[in-house]
C-alpha atoms as a PDB file:
ATOM      1  CA  MET A   1     131.327 200.723  38.029  1.00  0.00           C
ATOM      2  CA  LEU A   2     130.126 203.279  35.517  1.00  0.00           C
ATOM      3  CA  ILE A   3     128.079 205.295  38.028  1.00  0.00           C
ATOM      4  CA  PRO A   4     131.018 206.275  40.316  1.00  0.00           C
ATOM      5  CA  ILE A   5     133.109 207.181  37.282  1.00  0.00           C
ATOM      6  CA  LEU A   6     130.290 209.337  35.898  1.00  0.00           C
ATOM      7  CA  ILE A   7     129.873 211.079  39.246  1.00  0.00           C
ATOM      8  CA  PHE A   8     133.615 211.768  39.403  1.00  0.00           C
ATOM      9  CA  ASP A   9     133.554 212.973  35.789  1.00  0.00           C
ATOM     10  CA  VAL A  10     130.670 215.370  36.442  1.00  0.00           C
ATOM     11  CA  ALA A  11     132.553 216.697  39.473  1.00  0.00           C
ATOM     12  CA  LEU A  12     135.621 217.312  37.310  1.00  0.00           C
ATOM     13  CA  VAL A  13     133.562 219.156  34.706  1.00  0.00           C
ATOM     14  CA  ALA A  14     131.906 221.286  37.400  1.00  0.00           C
ATOM     15  CA  TRP A  15     135.297 222.122  38.864  1.00  0.00           C
ATOM     16  CA  SER A  16     136.684 223.053  35.444  1.00  0.00           C
ATOM     17  CA  LEU A  17     133.721 225.333  34.786  1.00  0.00           C
ATOM     18  CA  HIS A  18     134.259 226.970  38.174  1.00  0.00           C
ATOM     19  CA  LEU A  19     137.938 227.527  37.376  1.00  0.00           C
ATOM     20  CA  MET A  20     137.101 229.020  33.987  1.00  0.00           C
ATOM     21  CA  GLN A  21     134.476 231.325  35.487  1.00  0.00           C
ATOM     22  CA  GLU A  22     137.015 232.553  38.059  1.00  0.00           C
ATOM     23  CA  ALA A  23     139.533 233.053  35.242  1.00  0.00           C
ATOM     24  CA  VAL A  24     137.139 235.299  33.334  1.00  0.00           C
ATOM     25  CA  GLN A  25     136.304 237.333  36.429  1.00  0.00           C
ATOM     26  CA  LYS A  26     139.928 237.775  37.543  1.00  0.00           C
ATOM     27  CA  GLN A  27     141.388 238.001  34.007  1.00  0.00           C
ATOM     28  CA  GLU A  28     143.934 235.259  34.748  1.00  0.00           C
ATOM     29  CA  PHE A  29     145.272 232.999  32.070  1.00  0.00           C
ATOM     30  CA  SER A  30     146.590 230.373  34.488  1.00  0.00           C
ATOM     31  CA  LEU A  31     143.113 229.620  35.849  1.00  0.00           C
ATOM     32  CA  MET A  32     141.768 229.263  32.298  1.00  0.00           C
ATOM     33  CA  LEU A  33     144.603 226.871  31.501  1.00  0.00           C
ATOM     34  CA  ALA A  34     143.904 224.893  34.677  1.00  0.00           C
ATOM     35  CA  GLY A  35     140.200 224.668  33.798  1.00  0.00           C
ATOM     36  CA  THR A  36     141.044 223.475  30.313  1.00  0.00           C
ATOM     37  CA  LEU A  37     143.391 220.806  31.664  1.00  0.00           C
ATOM     38  CA  VAL A  38     140.799 219.584  34.166  1.00  0.00           C
ATOM     39  CA  SER A  39     138.133 219.328  31.446  1.00  0.00           C
ATOM     40  CA  LEU A  40     140.559 217.445  29.201  1.00  0.00           C
ATOM     41  CA  SER A  41     141.293 215.020  32.017  1.00  0.00           C
ATOM     42  CA  ALA A  42     137.556 214.433  32.464  1.00  0.00           C
ATOM     43  CA  ALA A  43     137.235 213.643  28.770  1.00  0.00           C
ATOM     44  CA  ALA A  44     140.297 211.383  28.867  1.00  0.00           C
ATOM     45  CA  LEU A  45     138.870 209.509  31.843  1.00  0.00           C
ATOM     46  CA  MET A  46     135.750 208.608  29.856  1.00  0.00           C
ATOM     47  CA  VAL A  47     137.760 207.642  26.760  1.00  0.00           C
ATOM     48  CA  VAL A  48     140.003 205.331  28.785  1.00  0.00           C
ATOM     49  CA  TYR A  49     137.003 203.795  30.546  1.00  0.00           C
ATOM     50  CA  PHE A  50     135.229 202.921  27.297  1.00  0.00           C
ATOM     51  CA  LEU A  51     138.415 201.667  25.611  1.00  0.00           C
ATOM     52  CA  MET A  52     139.269 199.415  28.538  1.00  0.00           C
ATOM     53  CA  ASN A  53     135.676 198.225  28.804  1.00  0.00           C
ATOM     54  CA  ASN A  54     135.697 197.169  25.145  1.00  0.00           C
ATOM     55  CA  CYS A  55     139.147 195.591  25.478  1.00  0.00           C
ATOM     56  CA  LEU A  56     138.269 193.598  28.588  1.00  0.00           C
ATOM     57  CA  THR A  57     134.955 192.504  27.080  1.00  0.00           C
ATOM     58  CA  TYR A  58     136.804 191.226  24.021  1.00  0.00           C
ATOM     59  CA  LEU A  59     139.473 189.434  26.063  1.00  0.00           C
ATOM     60  CA  THR A  60     137.002 187.705  28.373  1.00  0.00           C
ATOM     61  CA  SER A  61     134.597 186.612  25.650  1.00  0.00           C
ATOM     62  CA  SER A  62     134.338 182.917  24.863  1.00  0.00           C
ATOM     63  CA  HIS A  63     135.364 183.514  21.239  1.00  0.00           C
ATOM     64  CA  TYR A  64     138.889 184.526  22.200  1.00  0.00           C
ATOM     65  CA  PRO A  65     141.240 181.510  22.027  1.00  0.00           C
ATOM     66  CA  GLY A  66     143.404 182.764  24.901  1.00  0.00           C
ATOM     67  CA  TYR A  67     144.137 181.358  28.318  1.00  0.00           C
ATOM     68  CA  LEU A  68     141.277 183.063  30.162  1.00  0.00           C
END
């Protein structure tokens, strides 16, 4: 599951770099803001993946006295 997420994340970073490059060439603040937001979403995607991976690993371990 990590490989598709990494591919999607790399695509988001490439798109954000493209947006930022266009922003510098056209002197537009909105494109720079869009590139920044896309790069932040790529970072947030990885953070959420690793947090949920650790959480689900903890919940499904045999040491957890839950119902699973």
